[in-house]
Amino acid sequence: MNHQNLKNKPTIKQIVVVEGKTDTQRLKQLFNVRTIETNGSRLSKKTIEFIKKASKDNDVVLFLDPDGPGESIRKRLQNQLDEFQQVFISRPKGTKKPGVAEASDKQIINAFKKLKSFKKTNNSLTLEEYQKLQLNTKQKRKIITDYYNISECNNKQLFKRLNMMNVKITDLKKIIK
């Protein structure tokens, strides 16, 4: 994010992938931004190809709702893209629809301040090292996901994400102590 003068909104140089029109509208209230909408969980092969093509010449940021459909879209796109960035918002307590469109200005701005880079080819952790940490409970994984400001996920997804973020075993050991 680069900030021009205070009269102008900050510009996000990357292309941000969101679920729908209301997410795009929400981001445009705060930033000068280009988005690609997945049309919710009806993410088509055509849209996936468009996102892949866009990622060849632009950095792409996944900014999806912290719910089942949002995580499903995230997983599908993570499998398709070699390099990408992600921002995460946590599910606000007591909200019926915990999404990007419903998030506060502060939540969205803070999410972009914690932008994370992912690269599919990173192999910073071996499965054996990871399994020795015994992150087999939701509470243990939550310590890690909270620390890295990524959405909660199962053991297999966490291993994948930590590798893509190039996290080392020594870092993880410090966090869970």
N, C-alpha and C. Protein backbone atom coordinates (compact mmCIF):
# COMPACT_ATOMS: atom_id res chain seq x y z
N MET A 1 0.85 -1.18 0.00
CA MET A 1 0.00 0.00 0.00
C MET A 1 0.89 1.23 0.00
N ASN A 2 0.60 2.16 -0.90
CA ASN A 2 1.31 3.41 -0.81
C ASN A 2 0.31 4.53 -0.61
N HIS A 3 0.66 5.46 0.25
CA HIS A 3 -0.25 6.55 0.58
C HIS A 3 0.19 7.80 -0.18
N GLN A 4 -0.70 8.35 -1.03
CA GLN A 4 -0.42 9.65 -1.63
C GLN A 4 -0.82 10.69 -0.60
N ASN A 5 -1.22 11.88 -1.04
CA ASN A 5 -1.61 12.86 -0.03
C ASN A 5 -2.92 12.44 0.63
N LEU A 6 -3.24 13.10 1.73
CA LEU A 6 -4.37 12.68 2.56
C LEU A 6 -5.73 12.80 1.86
N LYS A 7 -5.84 13.67 0.83
CA LYS A 7 -7.11 13.83 0.12
C LYS A 7 -7.45 12.59 -0.70
N ASN A 8 -6.44 11.91 -1.16
CA ASN A 8 -6.65 10.71 -1.97
C ASN A 8 -6.68 9.46 -1.11
N LYS A 9 -7.41 8.48 -1.60
CA LYS A 9 -7.42 7.18 -0.91
C LYS A 9 -6.10 6.48 -1.21
N PRO A 10 -5.64 5.64 -0.29
CA PRO A 10 -4.44 4.84 -0.59
C PRO A 10 -4.72 3.92 -1.78
N THR A 11 -3.67 3.61 -2.52
CA THR A 11 -3.79 2.73 -3.67
C THR A 11 -3.22 1.36 -3.32
N ILE A 12 -3.96 0.33 -3.66
CA ILE A 12 -3.46 -1.03 -3.56
C ILE A 12 -3.04 -1.41 -4.97
N LYS A 13 -1.75 -1.67 -5.15
CA LYS A 13 -1.21 -1.93 -6.49
C LYS A 13 -1.60 -3.32 -7.00
N GLN A 14 -1.75 -4.27 -6.09
CA GLN A 14 -2.09 -5.62 -6.47
C GLN A 14 -3.55 -5.71 -6.93
N ILE A 15 -3.87 -6.80 -7.60
CA ILE A 15 -5.27 -7.09 -7.93
C ILE A 15 -5.81 -7.93 -6.78
N VAL A 16 -6.94 -7.51 -6.21
CA VAL A 16 -7.51 -8.19 -5.05
C VAL A 16 -8.67 -9.07 -5.49
N VAL A 17 -8.59 -10.35 -5.15
CA VAL A 17 -9.66 -11.31 -5.46
C VAL A 17 -10.63 -11.33 -4.29
N VAL A 18 -11.90 -11.00 -4.57
CA VAL A 18 -12.95 -11.00 -3.57
C VAL A 18 -14.10 -11.87 -4.05
N GLU A 19 -15.06 -12.12 -3.17
CA GLU A 19 -16.17 -13.00 -3.54
C GLU A 19 -17.23 -12.32 -4.39
N GLY A 20 -17.56 -11.06 -4.09
CA GLY A 20 -18.67 -10.47 -4.83
C GLY A 20 -18.64 -8.96 -4.92
N LYS A 21 -19.68 -8.42 -5.56
CA LYS A 21 -19.81 -6.98 -5.81
C LYS A 21 -19.76 -6.14 -4.53
N THR A 22 -20.44 -6.63 -3.47
CA THR A 22 -20.46 -5.83 -2.23
C THR A 22 -19.06 -5.75 -1.62
N ASP A 23 -18.25 -6.79 -1.80
CA ASP A 23 -16.86 -6.76 -1.31
C ASP A 23 -16.06 -5.72 -2.09
N THR A 24 -16.25 -5.70 -3.42
CA THR A 24 -15.57 -4.72 -4.27
C THR A 24 -15.99 -3.30 -3.84
N GLN A 25 -17.28 -3.08 -3.67
CA GLN A 25 -17.78 -1.76 -3.27
C GLN A 25 -17.17 -1.34 -1.93
N ARG A 26 -17.09 -2.29 -1.02
CA ARG A 26 -16.54 -2.02 0.32
C ARG A 26 -15.08 -1.58 0.22
N LEU A 27 -14.28 -2.30 -0.58
CA LEU A 27 -12.87 -1.96 -0.72
C LEU A 27 -12.69 -0.61 -1.41
N LYS A 28 -13.54 -0.32 -2.39
CA LYS A 28 -13.43 0.95 -3.13
C LYS A 28 -13.80 2.15 -2.26
N GLN A 29 -14.51 1.92 -1.15
CA GLN A 29 -14.78 3.02 -0.20
C GLN A 29 -13.49 3.45 0.49
N LEU A 30 -12.55 2.51 0.63
CA LEU A 30 -11.33 2.77 1.39
C LEU A 30 -10.07 2.97 0.54
N PHE A 31 -10.05 2.34 -0.64
CA PHE A 31 -8.83 2.31 -1.45
C PHE A 31 -9.12 2.56 -2.92
N ASN A 32 -8.09 2.97 -3.64
CA ASN A 32 -8.09 2.86 -5.10
C ASN A 32 -7.62 1.43 -5.34
N VAL A 33 -8.48 0.61 -5.91
CA VAL A 33 -8.18 -0.82 -5.99
C VAL A 33 -8.82 -1.46 -7.22
N ARG A 34 -8.15 -2.46 -7.77
CA ARG A 34 -8.72 -3.28 -8.83
C ARG A 34 -9.07 -4.63 -8.21
N THR A 35 -10.25 -5.13 -8.53
CA THR A 35 -10.65 -6.43 -7.96
C THR A 35 -11.09 -7.38 -9.07
N ILE A 36 -11.03 -8.65 -8.73
CA ILE A 36 -11.66 -9.71 -9.53
C ILE A 36 -12.63 -10.39 -8.58
N GLU A 37 -13.87 -10.53 -9.01
CA GLU A 37 -14.90 -11.18 -8.18
C GLU A 37 -15.07 -12.63 -8.60
N THR A 38 -15.15 -13.50 -7.59
CA THR A 38 -15.27 -14.94 -7.87
C THR A 38 -16.73 -15.36 -8.08
N ASN A 39 -17.65 -14.44 -7.84
CA ASN A 39 -19.08 -14.78 -7.89
C ASN A 39 -19.39 -15.80 -6.80
N GLY A 40 -18.83 -15.55 -5.63
CA GLY A 40 -19.06 -16.44 -4.49
C GLY A 40 -18.51 -17.82 -4.75
N SER A 41 -19.17 -18.81 -4.20
CA SER A 41 -18.69 -20.19 -4.35
C SER A 41 -19.00 -20.76 -5.73
N ARG A 42 -19.61 -19.95 -6.60
CA ARG A 42 -19.84 -20.38 -7.98
C ARG A 42 -18.63 -20.05 -8.85
N LEU A 43 -17.45 -20.12 -8.25
CA LEU A 43 -16.20 -19.83 -8.93
C LEU A 43 -16.05 -20.75 -10.14
N SER A 44 -16.02 -20.16 -11.33
CA SER A 44 -15.96 -20.95 -12.57
C SER A 44 -14.52 -21.18 -13.02
N LYS A 45 -14.34 -22.16 -13.90
CA LYS A 45 -13.02 -22.43 -14.49
C LYS A 45 -12.54 -21.20 -15.25
N LYS A 46 -13.48 -20.51 -15.89
CA LYS A 46 -13.15 -19.31 -16.66
C LYS A 46 -12.57 -18.22 -15.74
N THR A 47 -13.19 -18.03 -14.58
CA THR A 47 -12.70 -17.03 -13.62
C THR A 47 -11.35 -17.45 -13.05
N ILE A 48 -11.18 -18.74 -12.76
CA ILE A 48 -9.89 -19.24 -12.27
C ILE A 48 -8.80 -18.95 -13.31
N GLU A 49 -9.09 -19.22 -14.57
CA GLU A 49 -8.12 -18.96 -15.65
C GLU A 49 -7.80 -17.47 -15.75
N PHE A 50 -8.82 -16.63 -15.57
CA PHE A 50 -8.64 -15.19 -15.62
C PHE A 50 -7.72 -14.73 -14.47
N ILE A 51 -7.92 -15.28 -13.28
CA ILE A 51 -7.09 -14.95 -12.12
C ILE A 51 -5.65 -15.41 -12.36
N LYS A 52 -5.50 -16.62 -12.90
CA LYS A 52 -4.16 -17.15 -13.20
C LYS A 52 -3.43 -16.25 -14.20
N LYS A 53 -4.17 -15.83 -15.24
CA LYS A 53 -3.59 -14.95 -16.26
C LYS A 53 -3.20 -13.61 -15.64
N ALA A 54 -4.06 -13.04 -14.80
CA ALA A 54 -3.77 -11.77 -14.13
C ALA A 54 -2.53 -11.88 -13.25
N SER A 55 -2.33 -13.06 -12.65
CA SER A 55 -1.20 -13.26 -11.73
C SER A 55 0.15 -13.33 -12.45
N LYS A 56 0.12 -13.48 -13.76
CA LYS A 56 1.39 -13.52 -14.52
C LYS A 56 2.06 -12.14 -14.54
N ASP A 57 1.25 -11.08 -14.62
CA ASP A 57 1.79 -9.72 -14.73
C ASP A 57 1.52 -8.84 -13.52
N ASN A 58 0.76 -9.35 -12.56
CA ASN A 58 0.38 -8.57 -11.38
C ASN A 58 0.48 -9.44 -10.14
N ASP A 59 0.72 -8.80 -9.01
CA ASP A 59 0.60 -9.52 -7.75
C ASP A 59 -0.89 -9.65 -7.47
N VAL A 60 -1.30 -10.82 -7.01
CA VAL A 60 -2.70 -11.09 -6.71
C VAL A 60 -2.84 -11.33 -5.22
N VAL A 61 -3.86 -10.70 -4.63
CA VAL A 61 -4.14 -10.85 -3.20
C VAL A 61 -5.50 -11.53 -3.04
N LEU A 62 -5.55 -12.60 -2.28
CA LEU A 62 -6.82 -13.26 -1.96
C LEU A 62 -7.36 -12.61 -0.69
N PHE A 63 -8.57 -12.06 -0.79
CA PHE A 63 -9.22 -11.44 0.37
C PHE A 63 -10.66 -11.96 0.41
N LEU A 64 -10.83 -13.09 1.11
CA LEU A 64 -12.09 -13.82 1.08
C LEU A 64 -12.70 -13.90 2.47
N ASP A 65 -14.00 -14.13 2.51
CA ASP A 65 -14.71 -14.20 3.78
C ASP A 65 -14.18 -15.34 4.66
N PRO A 66 -14.16 -15.13 5.98
CA PRO A 66 -13.68 -16.17 6.91
C PRO A 66 -14.79 -17.15 7.26
N ASP A 67 -15.41 -17.73 6.24
CA ASP A 67 -16.48 -18.71 6.46
C ASP A 67 -16.23 -19.91 5.54
N GLY A 68 -17.10 -20.89 5.60
CA GLY A 68 -16.94 -22.11 4.80
C GLY A 68 -16.75 -21.85 3.31
N PRO A 69 -17.67 -21.13 2.67
CA PRO A 69 -17.50 -20.85 1.23
C PRO A 69 -16.22 -20.07 0.92
N GLY A 70 -15.89 -19.09 1.76
CA GLY A 70 -14.67 -18.31 1.54
C GLY A 70 -13.42 -19.17 1.61
N GLU A 71 -13.39 -20.06 2.61
CA GLU A 71 -12.24 -20.97 2.76
C GLU A 71 -12.17 -21.96 1.59
N SER A 72 -13.30 -22.39 1.10
CA SER A 72 -13.35 -23.31 -0.05
C SER A 72 -12.77 -22.63 -1.29
N ILE A 73 -13.14 -21.38 -1.53
CA ILE A 73 -12.61 -20.63 -2.67
C ILE A 73 -11.11 -20.44 -2.49
N ARG A 74 -10.70 -20.08 -1.27
CA ARG A 74 -9.27 -19.87 -0.96
C ARG A 74 -8.46 -21.12 -1.30
N LYS A 75 -8.98 -22.26 -0.86
CA LYS A 75 -8.29 -23.54 -1.09
C LYS A 75 -8.17 -23.83 -2.60
N ARG A 76 -9.25 -23.61 -3.34
CA ARG A 76 -9.22 -23.85 -4.79
C ARG A 76 -8.19 -22.96 -5.48
N LEU A 77 -8.15 -21.70 -5.09
CA LEU A 77 -7.21 -20.76 -5.73
C LEU A 77 -5.77 -21.03 -5.31
N GLN A 78 -5.56 -21.40 -4.03
CA GLN A 78 -4.21 -21.74 -3.57
C GLN A 78 -3.63 -22.89 -4.39
N ASN A 79 -4.49 -23.83 -4.78
CA ASN A 79 -4.03 -24.96 -5.58
C ASN A 79 -3.72 -24.58 -7.02
N GLN A 80 -4.26 -23.47 -7.48
CA GLN A 80 -4.10 -23.05 -8.88
C GLN A 80 -2.97 -22.04 -9.10
N LEU A 81 -2.64 -21.27 -8.07
CA LEU A 81 -1.66 -20.19 -8.22
C LEU A 81 -0.31 -20.60 -7.65
N ASP A 82 0.76 -20.21 -8.33
CA ASP A 82 2.11 -20.53 -7.84
C ASP A 82 2.56 -19.54 -6.78
N GLU A 83 2.27 -18.27 -7.00
CA GLU A 83 2.63 -17.22 -6.05
C GLU A 83 1.44 -16.30 -5.89
N PHE A 84 1.18 -15.89 -4.65
CA PHE A 84 0.06 -14.98 -4.38
C PHE A 84 0.25 -14.40 -3.00
N GLN A 85 -0.59 -13.43 -2.68
CA GLN A 85 -0.58 -12.85 -1.35
C GLN A 85 -1.98 -13.05 -0.76
N GLN A 86 -2.07 -12.98 0.55
CA GLN A 86 -3.37 -13.11 1.19
C GLN A 86 -3.48 -12.13 2.34
N VAL A 87 -4.70 -11.68 2.56
CA VAL A 87 -5.03 -10.93 3.76
C VAL A 87 -6.23 -11.61 4.38
N PHE A 88 -6.30 -11.56 5.69
CA PHE A 88 -7.34 -12.28 6.41
C PHE A 88 -8.04 -11.33 7.38
N ILE A 89 -9.34 -11.50 7.51
CA ILE A 89 -10.06 -10.84 8.60
C ILE A 89 -10.63 -11.96 9.46
N SER A 90 -10.71 -11.70 10.74
CA SER A 90 -11.29 -12.72 11.60
C SER A 90 -12.80 -12.53 11.66
N ARG A 91 -13.47 -13.58 11.97
CA ARG A 91 -14.92 -13.55 12.06
C ARG A 91 -15.34 -12.75 13.30
N PRO A 92 -16.03 -11.62 13.08
CA PRO A 92 -16.46 -10.85 14.24
C PRO A 92 -17.48 -11.65 15.05
N LYS A 93 -17.32 -11.65 16.36
CA LYS A 93 -18.22 -12.42 17.22
C LYS A 93 -19.64 -11.85 17.16
N GLY A 94 -20.61 -12.75 17.10
CA GLY A 94 -22.01 -12.35 17.12
C GLY A 94 -22.57 -11.84 15.81
N THR A 95 -21.79 -11.96 14.72
CA THR A 95 -22.32 -11.50 13.43
C THR A 95 -22.88 -12.69 12.67
N LYS A 96 -23.98 -12.45 11.99
CA LYS A 96 -24.59 -13.52 11.20
C LYS A 96 -23.77 -13.79 9.94
N LYS A 97 -23.37 -12.74 9.25
CA LYS A 97 -22.61 -12.89 8.00
C LYS A 97 -21.23 -12.28 8.19
N PRO A 98 -20.24 -13.10 8.51
CA PRO A 98 -18.91 -12.56 8.81
C PRO A 98 -18.09 -12.37 7.54
N GLY A 99 -18.30 -11.28 6.83
CA GLY A 99 -17.59 -11.15 5.58
C GLY A 99 -16.85 -9.86 5.40
N VAL A 100 -16.16 -9.78 4.27
CA VAL A 100 -15.40 -8.59 3.90
C VAL A 100 -16.34 -7.38 3.87
N ALA A 101 -17.52 -7.54 3.25
CA ALA A 101 -18.46 -6.42 3.11
C ALA A 101 -18.94 -5.90 4.46
N GLU A 102 -18.98 -6.75 5.47
CA GLU A 102 -19.49 -6.36 6.79
C GLU A 102 -18.39 -5.91 7.75
N ALA A 103 -17.14 -6.06 7.36
CA ALA A 103 -16.02 -5.71 8.24
C ALA A 103 -15.92 -4.20 8.41
N SER A 104 -15.38 -3.79 9.54
CA SER A 104 -15.19 -2.36 9.80
C SER A 104 -14.02 -1.83 8.97
N ASP A 105 -13.98 -0.52 8.79
CA ASP A 105 -12.86 0.10 8.08
C ASP A 105 -11.54 -0.33 8.72
N LYS A 106 -11.51 -0.25 10.06
CA LYS A 106 -10.29 -0.59 10.80
C LYS A 106 -9.85 -2.04 10.54
N GLN A 107 -10.83 -2.98 10.55
CA GLN A 107 -10.49 -4.39 10.29
C GLN A 107 -9.86 -4.55 8.91
N ILE A 108 -10.44 -3.90 7.92
CA ILE A 108 -9.95 -4.05 6.54
C ILE A 108 -8.57 -3.42 6.39
N ILE A 109 -8.40 -2.21 6.92
CA ILE A 109 -7.11 -1.53 6.82
C ILE A 109 -6.03 -2.33 7.55
N ASN A 110 -6.34 -2.83 8.75
CA ASN A 110 -5.38 -3.64 9.51
C ASN A 110 -5.05 -4.94 8.78
N ALA A 111 -6.04 -5.53 8.12
CA ALA A 111 -5.80 -6.76 7.36
C ALA A 111 -4.74 -6.52 6.28
N PHE A 112 -4.87 -5.41 5.56
CA PHE A 112 -3.91 -5.12 4.49
C PHE A 112 -2.53 -4.76 5.03
N LYS A 113 -2.46 -4.29 6.26
CA LYS A 113 -1.16 -4.02 6.88
C LYS A 113 -0.43 -5.33 7.19
N LYS A 114 -1.19 -6.43 7.28
CA LYS A 114 -0.61 -7.74 7.62
C LYS A 114 -0.60 -8.67 6.41
N LEU A 115 -0.43 -8.11 5.25
CA LEU A 115 -0.39 -8.87 4.00
C LEU A 115 0.68 -9.96 4.07
N LYS A 116 0.33 -11.16 3.66
CA LYS A 116 1.26 -12.30 3.69
C LYS A 116 1.51 -12.81 2.27
N SER A 117 2.76 -13.17 1.99
CA SER A 117 3.11 -13.73 0.68
C SER A 117 3.19 -15.24 0.77
N PHE A 118 2.72 -15.89 -0.29
CA PHE A 118 2.70 -17.34 -0.37
C PHE A 118 3.33 -17.77 -1.68
N LYS A 119 4.12 -18.84 -1.62
CA LYS A 119 4.75 -19.37 -2.83
C LYS A 119 4.67 -20.89 -2.74
N LYS A 120 4.02 -21.48 -3.73
CA LYS A 120 3.76 -22.92 -3.71
C LYS A 120 5.04 -23.76 -3.63
N THR A 121 6.13 -23.27 -4.22
CA THR A 121 7.36 -24.07 -4.29
C THR A 121 8.21 -24.02 -3.02
N ASN A 122 7.84 -23.20 -2.04
CA ASN A 122 8.60 -23.16 -0.78
C ASN A 122 8.47 -24.51 -0.07
N ASN A 123 9.57 -24.97 0.49
CA ASN A 123 9.57 -26.20 1.29
C ASN A 123 10.40 -25.99 2.54
N SER A 124 9.92 -25.14 3.41
CA SER A 124 10.69 -24.80 4.61
C SER A 124 10.50 -25.80 5.73
N LEU A 125 9.44 -26.59 5.68
CA LEU A 125 9.13 -27.59 6.72
C LEU A 125 9.00 -28.97 6.10
N THR A 126 9.52 -29.96 6.80
CA THR A 126 9.23 -31.33 6.35
C THR A 126 7.99 -31.79 7.11
N LEU A 127 7.30 -32.75 6.55
CA LEU A 127 6.11 -33.28 7.21
C LEU A 127 6.49 -33.89 8.56
N GLU A 128 7.64 -34.55 8.60
CA GLU A 128 8.12 -35.17 9.85
C GLU A 128 8.33 -34.11 10.95
N GLU A 129 9.00 -33.00 10.61
CA GLU A 129 9.22 -31.92 11.58
C GLU A 129 7.88 -31.38 12.08
N TYR A 130 6.99 -31.14 11.12
CA TYR A 130 5.69 -30.57 11.44
C TYR A 130 4.90 -31.50 12.35
N GLN A 131 4.89 -32.80 12.04
CA GLN A 131 4.14 -33.76 12.85
C GLN A 131 4.66 -33.87 14.27
N LYS A 132 5.96 -33.66 14.46
CA LYS A 132 6.55 -33.71 15.80
C LYS A 132 6.01 -32.59 16.70
N LEU A 133 5.50 -31.52 16.10
CA LEU A 133 4.94 -30.42 16.88
C LEU A 133 3.57 -30.76 17.46
N GLN A 134 2.96 -31.83 16.95
CA GLN A 134 1.65 -32.33 17.42
C GLN A 134 0.60 -31.21 17.47
N LEU A 135 0.40 -30.57 16.33
CA LEU A 135 -0.61 -29.51 16.23
C LEU A 135 -1.97 -30.11 15.87
N ASN A 136 -2.28 -31.21 16.53
CA ASN A 136 -3.48 -31.97 16.18
C ASN A 136 -4.73 -31.51 16.93
N THR A 137 -4.65 -30.40 17.65
CA THR A 137 -5.87 -29.86 18.27
C THR A 137 -6.11 -28.47 17.71
N LYS A 138 -7.38 -28.10 17.69
CA LYS A 138 -7.78 -26.80 17.17
C LYS A 138 -7.11 -25.67 17.96
N GLN A 139 -7.01 -25.84 19.31
CA GLN A 139 -6.41 -24.80 20.15
C GLN A 139 -4.94 -24.56 19.80
N LYS A 140 -4.19 -25.64 19.57
CA LYS A 140 -2.77 -25.51 19.23
C LYS A 140 -2.61 -24.83 17.87
N ARG A 141 -3.44 -25.23 16.90
CA ARG A 141 -3.36 -24.61 15.57
C ARG A 141 -3.76 -23.14 15.63
N LYS A 142 -4.71 -22.80 16.52
CA LYS A 142 -5.17 -21.42 16.64
C LYS A 142 -4.04 -20.50 17.12
N ILE A 143 -3.17 -20.99 17.97
CA ILE A 143 -2.02 -20.21 18.42
C ILE A 143 -1.19 -19.80 17.19
N ILE A 144 -0.97 -20.75 16.30
CA ILE A 144 -0.17 -20.50 15.09
C ILE A 144 -0.91 -19.58 14.12
N THR A 145 -2.20 -19.87 13.86
CA THR A 145 -2.95 -19.05 12.90
C THR A 145 -3.11 -17.62 13.43
N ASP A 146 -3.31 -17.46 14.73
CA ASP A 146 -3.40 -16.12 15.30
C ASP A 146 -2.07 -15.38 15.17
N TYR A 147 -0.99 -16.07 15.45
CA TYR A 147 0.33 -15.45 15.38
C TYR A 147 0.62 -14.93 13.97
N TYR A 148 0.31 -15.74 12.96
CA TYR A 148 0.60 -15.36 11.57
C TYR A 148 -0.56 -14.61 10.91
N ASN A 149 -1.63 -14.40 11.67
CA ASN A 149 -2.80 -13.70 11.16
C ASN A 149 -3.33 -14.35 9.88
N ILE A 150 -3.51 -15.66 9.94
CA ILE A 150 -4.12 -16.39 8.83
C ILE A 150 -5.38 -17.08 9.36
N SER A 151 -6.27 -17.44 8.46
CA SER A 151 -7.53 -18.02 8.92
C SER A 151 -7.30 -19.43 9.50
N GLU A 152 -8.19 -19.79 10.42
CA GLU A 152 -8.11 -21.12 11.03
C GLU A 152 -8.31 -22.18 9.97
N CYS A 153 -7.62 -23.30 10.13
CA CYS A 153 -7.72 -24.37 9.15
C CYS A 153 -7.33 -25.70 9.80
N ASN A 154 -7.52 -26.77 9.04
CA ASN A 154 -7.16 -28.08 9.56
C ASN A 154 -5.64 -28.28 9.48
N ASN A 155 -5.18 -29.38 10.02
CA ASN A 155 -3.75 -29.67 10.12
C ASN A 155 -3.05 -29.68 8.75
N LYS A 156 -3.67 -30.35 7.78
CA LYS A 156 -3.09 -30.47 6.44
C LYS A 156 -2.96 -29.09 5.78
N GLN A 157 -4.01 -28.27 5.89
CA GLN A 157 -3.99 -26.93 5.30
C GLN A 157 -2.95 -26.04 5.99
N LEU A 158 -2.85 -26.16 7.32
CA LEU A 158 -1.89 -25.35 8.05
C LEU A 158 -0.46 -25.69 7.61
N PHE A 159 -0.16 -26.96 7.48
CA PHE A 159 1.17 -27.40 7.02
C PHE A 159 1.47 -26.77 5.66
N LYS A 160 0.50 -26.85 4.75
CA LYS A 160 0.65 -26.29 3.40
C LYS A 160 0.89 -24.78 3.45
N ARG A 161 0.07 -24.07 4.22
CA ARG A 161 0.18 -22.61 4.29
C ARG A 161 1.51 -22.18 4.91
N LEU A 162 1.93 -22.84 5.99
CA LEU A 162 3.19 -22.49 6.64
C LEU A 162 4.36 -22.68 5.68
N ASN A 163 4.33 -23.76 4.90
CA ASN A 163 5.36 -23.99 3.90
C ASN A 163 5.35 -22.89 2.84
N MET A 164 4.17 -22.56 2.35
CA MET A 164 4.08 -21.53 1.31
C MET A 164 4.55 -20.17 1.83
N MET A 165 4.43 -19.95 3.15
CA MET A 165 4.90 -18.70 3.76
C MET A 165 6.38 -18.78 4.14
N ASN A 166 6.99 -19.93 3.90
CA ASN A 166 8.42 -20.16 4.17
C ASN A 166 8.75 -20.09 5.66
N VAL A 167 7.83 -20.56 6.50
CA VAL A 167 8.03 -20.58 7.95
C VAL A 167 8.96 -21.74 8.30
N LYS A 168 9.91 -21.47 9.18
CA LYS A 168 10.89 -22.49 9.60
C LYS A 168 10.42 -23.17 10.90
N ILE A 169 10.90 -24.39 11.11
CA ILE A 169 10.54 -25.18 12.29
C ILE A 169 10.96 -24.44 13.58
N THR A 170 12.11 -23.77 13.55
CA THR A 170 12.58 -23.06 14.75
C THR A 170 11.60 -21.95 15.14
N ASP A 171 11.02 -21.27 14.13
CA ASP A 171 10.02 -20.22 14.41
C ASP A 171 8.79 -20.82 15.08
N LEU A 172 8.32 -21.95 14.56
CA LEU A 172 7.13 -22.59 15.11
C LEU A 172 7.34 -23.04 16.54
N LYS A 173 8.52 -23.59 16.81
CA LYS A 173 8.81 -24.05 18.18
C LYS A 173 8.76 -22.89 19.17
N LYS A 174 9.25 -21.72 18.77
CA LYS A 174 9.22 -20.53 19.64
C LYS A 174 7.78 -20.10 19.90
N ILE A 175 6.96 -20.16 18.89
CA ILE A 175 5.58 -19.69 19.00
C ILE A 175 4.75 -20.57 19.93
N ILE A 176 4.93 -21.89 19.84
CA ILE A 176 4.07 -22.77 20.63
C ILE A 176 4.58 -23.03 22.04
N LYS A 177 5.74 -22.49 22.37
CA LYS A 177 6.25 -22.66 23.76
C LYS A 177 5.52 -21.79 24.70
